[in-house]
Amino acid sequence: MTQRPILAMLFRAPPIIAISAFDGLGYMEIVYKFRADTAYYRAVIDRYYSQRPLLLRLPVQYGIFSLIAIGFFLWSTDLPSPEAVAIAAIIAVAIVAGLVFLTKMSILYRFKNRAEFGADAAVSISEEGVSASSHHVQGKWEWAAYPRSARFSDGILLLRAGVIRWLPDSAIQNSTPEAATALVGSKTELRHVA
C-alpha cells in the first residue's frame, strides 16, 4: 500500500510555478538588468567553455597540443633522462596554463572593444523571443535564433552559432530563476550543466 503514494509522487507532474511577470492578458516577460563589464564577460567566457564537450574545452585542447609537442621532443632524443621527462612535463603544464590564459584574455579584450562594454544592459525573454538593449545596441530575436541553451547553478547561457548570451540569475528583476528556466526550456534544447 505504501508503494502507490511513492509512485504517485515520482510520476506526478511538476508543480506550476506562479510567475509575477504577467500583464493582464497573460503575456509573460522576464527582465534581466546587469552591467556588461569585465566580471560579466569573464562569466560569459567561463560558462561558454565549461558547457562545451570535454575535447573542446581549452585545457583539454591545449593539453593535447602540448603532449604532442613534448612527446615529439622526447621521441627525437635518444634516451631521455628522468630529469628531461620531468622538465618536459613542467613545460607542458606551463604551456597549457599560458595558452588558456592568453586565449581567455584575448577574448576578453575583444569584448572590451565593443561599444556596449561597461554599459548597463537589459535583456527580456518572453514567449516570442529574446530582446536586448543597452545605450548603444538594441535587438530582438525569435527563439529560433537560439536553438540551444545551458542551465548553470547561477544562470542560463543561450547559444547559437557564433553568438552566446549569458543571463545571470542575480540580474532577474521581476521573476524567478525557476520561471526563467521553464520558459527557456520550453523554447530551446536546454542542458543542465553542473
Protein backbone atom coordinates (compact mmCIF):
# COMPACT_ATOMS: atom_id res chain seq x y z
CA MET A 1 0.00 0.00 0.00
CA THR A 2 2.86 2.39 0.64
CA GLN A 3 4.19 1.89 -2.89
CA ARG A 4 1.30 3.72 -4.53
CA PRO A 5 1.87 7.10 -2.85
CA ILE A 6 5.60 6.86 -3.59
CA LEU A 7 4.96 6.03 -7.24
CA ALA A 8 2.41 8.82 -7.45
CA MET A 9 4.98 11.25 -6.08
CA LEU A 10 7.59 10.07 -8.56
CA PHE A 11 5.36 10.38 -11.61
CA ARG A 12 3.34 13.44 -10.60
CA ALA A 13 3.56 16.43 -12.90
CA PRO A 14 5.84 19.18 -11.62
CA PRO A 15 4.08 21.99 -9.78
CA ILE A 16 3.03 25.01 -11.78
CA ILE A 17 5.19 27.99 -10.95
CA ALA A 18 3.39 31.25 -10.45
CA ILE A 19 5.09 33.99 -12.44
CA SER A 20 4.73 37.60 -11.44
CA ALA A 21 5.79 38.89 -14.87
CA PHE A 22 2.34 38.62 -16.43
CA ASP A 23 0.31 41.51 -17.66
CA GLY A 24 -3.47 41.33 -17.62
CA LEU A 25 -3.59 39.43 -20.94
CA GLY A 26 -1.40 36.53 -19.83
CA TYR A 27 1.77 37.81 -21.51
CA MET A 28 4.95 36.80 -19.70
CA GLU A 29 8.21 38.72 -19.94
CA ILE A 30 11.20 38.10 -17.68
CA VAL A 31 13.59 41.04 -17.47
CA TYR A 32 17.31 40.87 -16.70
CA LYS A 33 19.32 44.02 -15.93
CA PHE A 34 23.10 43.99 -15.48
CA ARG A 35 26.28 45.88 -16.24
CA ALA A 36 28.22 44.38 -19.17
CA ASP A 37 31.62 44.78 -17.53
CA THR A 38 34.75 42.67 -17.06
CA ALA A 39 33.14 40.42 -14.42
CA TYR A 40 30.14 39.78 -16.67
CA TYR A 41 32.25 38.89 -19.71
CA ARG A 42 34.59 36.68 -17.65
CA ALA A 43 31.49 34.74 -16.57
CA VAL A 44 30.38 34.53 -20.22
CA ILE A 45 33.74 33.08 -21.27
CA ASP A 46 33.90 30.62 -18.36
CA ARG A 47 30.32 29.39 -18.85
CA TYR A 48 30.79 29.01 -22.60
CA TYR A 49 33.88 26.83 -22.33
CA SER A 50 32.57 24.78 -19.40
CA GLN A 51 29.43 23.74 -21.32
CA ARG A 52 31.35 22.52 -24.36
CA PRO A 53 32.15 18.83 -24.90
CA LEU A 54 35.23 17.67 -22.98
CA LEU A 55 37.52 17.54 -26.01
CA LEU A 56 36.59 21.12 -26.98
CA ARG A 57 37.41 22.70 -23.63
CA LEU A 58 40.50 24.90 -23.60
CA PRO A 59 42.66 22.94 -21.11
CA VAL A 60 41.97 19.69 -22.95
CA GLN A 61 42.69 21.17 -26.38
CA TYR A 62 45.93 22.78 -25.26
CA GLY A 63 46.83 19.74 -23.17
CA ILE A 64 46.62 17.50 -26.22
CA PHE A 65 48.66 20.02 -28.23
CA SER A 66 51.38 20.29 -25.58
CA LEU A 67 51.53 16.50 -25.06
CA ILE A 68 52.05 16.01 -28.78
CA ALA A 69 54.77 18.68 -28.85
CA ILE A 70 56.54 17.34 -25.75
CA GLY A 71 56.13 13.75 -26.97
CA PHE A 72 57.74 14.66 -30.28
CA PHE A 73 60.59 16.36 -28.42
CA LEU A 74 61.16 13.34 -26.18
CA TRP A 75 60.90 10.98 -29.15
CA SER A 76 63.59 12.95 -31.01
CA THR A 77 66.11 12.42 -28.19
CA ASP A 78 67.84 9.06 -27.99
CA LEU A 79 67.18 8.12 -24.38
CA PRO A 80 65.51 10.87 -22.39
CA SER A 81 66.65 11.04 -18.79
CA PRO A 82 64.13 11.22 -15.93
CA GLU A 83 65.15 14.85 -15.45
CA ALA A 84 64.34 15.62 -19.11
CA VAL A 85 60.92 13.98 -18.76
CA ALA A 86 60.20 15.97 -15.59
CA ILE A 87 61.26 19.22 -17.26
CA ALA A 88 59.12 18.36 -20.30
CA ALA A 89 56.11 17.73 -18.04
CA ILE A 90 56.59 21.09 -16.28
CA ILE A 91 56.89 22.81 -19.66
CA ALA A 92 53.69 21.08 -20.86
CA VAL A 93 51.75 22.30 -17.81
CA ALA A 94 53.13 25.83 -18.28
CA ILE A 95 52.16 25.77 -21.98
CA VAL A 96 48.60 24.70 -21.14
CA ALA A 97 48.18 27.31 -18.41
CA GLY A 98 49.71 30.05 -20.55
CA LEU A 99 47.63 29.28 -23.64
CA VAL A 100 44.37 29.06 -21.66
CA PHE A 101 45.14 32.41 -20.00
CA LEU A 102 46.11 34.08 -23.30
CA THR A 103 43.01 32.77 -25.08
CA LYS A 104 40.65 34.00 -22.37
CA MET A 105 42.39 37.38 -22.18
CA SER A 106 42.26 37.83 -25.97
CA ILE A 107 38.52 37.06 -25.98
CA LEU A 108 38.00 39.48 -23.08
CA TYR A 109 40.00 42.11 -24.99
CA ARG A 110 37.65 41.69 -27.96
CA PHE A 111 34.65 42.18 -25.65
CA LYS A 112 36.26 45.28 -24.13
CA ASN A 113 36.46 46.86 -27.59
CA ARG A 114 32.68 46.68 -28.05
CA ALA A 115 30.67 49.87 -27.73
CA GLU A 116 28.42 48.37 -25.07
CA PHE A 117 31.28 47.33 -22.77
CA GLY A 118 30.73 48.77 -19.30
CA ALA A 119 27.19 49.91 -20.08
CA ASP A 120 24.02 48.88 -18.31
CA ALA A 121 22.13 46.30 -20.35
CA ALA A 122 18.61 44.91 -20.26
CA VAL A 123 17.57 41.56 -21.72
CA SER A 124 13.99 40.35 -21.82
CA ILE A 125 12.81 36.84 -22.56
CA SER A 126 9.20 36.09 -23.42
CA GLU A 127 7.11 33.61 -25.38
CA GLU A 128 8.00 35.49 -28.58
CA GLY A 129 11.77 35.53 -28.10
CA VAL A 130 14.71 37.47 -26.75
CA SER A 131 15.22 41.22 -26.82
CA ALA A 132 18.26 43.12 -25.63
CA SER A 133 19.11 46.76 -25.29
CA SER A 134 21.84 48.97 -23.95
CA HIS A 135 22.95 52.52 -24.59
CA HIS A 136 24.50 51.64 -27.99
CA VAL A 137 22.79 48.46 -29.14
CA GLN A 138 19.23 47.19 -29.44
CA GLY A 139 17.90 43.96 -30.95
CA LYS A 140 15.12 41.41 -30.95
CA TRP A 141 15.33 37.72 -31.92
CA GLU A 142 12.81 34.92 -32.14
CA TRP A 143 13.57 31.75 -30.20
CA ALA A 144 14.65 30.00 -33.41
CA ALA A 145 17.77 32.18 -33.28
CA TYR A 146 18.81 30.45 -30.03
CA PRO A 147 18.18 26.73 -30.57
CA ARG A 148 20.27 25.60 -27.58
CA SER A 149 20.76 26.71 -24.00
CA ALA A 150 22.63 25.58 -20.91
CA ARG A 151 21.40 25.96 -17.33
CA PHE A 152 24.09 26.60 -14.71
CA SER A 153 23.61 26.97 -10.97
CA ASP A 154 23.79 30.75 -11.34
CA GLY A 155 22.18 31.48 -14.71
CA ILE A 156 21.28 30.47 -18.26
CA LEU A 157 23.52 30.57 -21.32
CA LEU A 158 21.67 30.99 -24.63
CA LEU A 159 23.60 29.56 -27.58
CA ARG A 160 23.62 29.81 -31.33
CA ALA A 161 26.37 29.59 -33.93
CA GLY A 162 28.85 32.38 -33.22
CA VAL A 163 26.72 34.06 -30.53
CA ILE A 164 26.27 33.47 -26.81
CA ARG A 165 24.15 35.38 -24.32
CA TRP A 166 24.59 34.96 -20.55
CA LEU A 167 21.56 35.58 -18.34
CA PRO A 168 22.69 35.60 -14.69
CA ASP A 169 20.05 34.74 -12.09
CA SER A 170 21.19 37.67 -9.96
CA ALA A 171 20.07 40.07 -12.72
CA ILE A 172 16.42 38.92 -12.81
CA GLN A 173 14.17 41.87 -11.99
CA ASN A 174 10.61 40.56 -11.99
CA SER A 175 10.53 36.79 -11.75
CA THR A 176 12.42 33.74 -10.50
CA PRO A 177 15.23 31.58 -11.88
CA GLU A 178 12.82 28.64 -11.97
CA ALA A 179 10.36 30.54 -14.16
CA ALA A 180 13.16 31.63 -16.49
CA THR A 181 14.41 28.05 -16.73
CA ALA A 182 10.90 26.79 -17.51
CA LEU A 183 10.43 29.41 -20.24
CA VAL A 184 13.84 28.84 -21.85
CA GLY A 185 13.42 25.06 -21.54
CA SER A 186 10.10 25.24 -23.39
CA LYS A 187 11.67 27.18 -26.27
CA THR A 188 15.19 25.71 -26.63
CA GLU A 189 17.06 22.48 -26.19
CA LEU A 190 18.09 23.01 -22.54
CA ARG A 191 21.02 21.18 -20.92
CA HIS A 192 21.76 21.32 -17.21
CA VAL A 193 25.48 21.84 -16.54
CA ALA A 194 26.95 21.21 -13.10
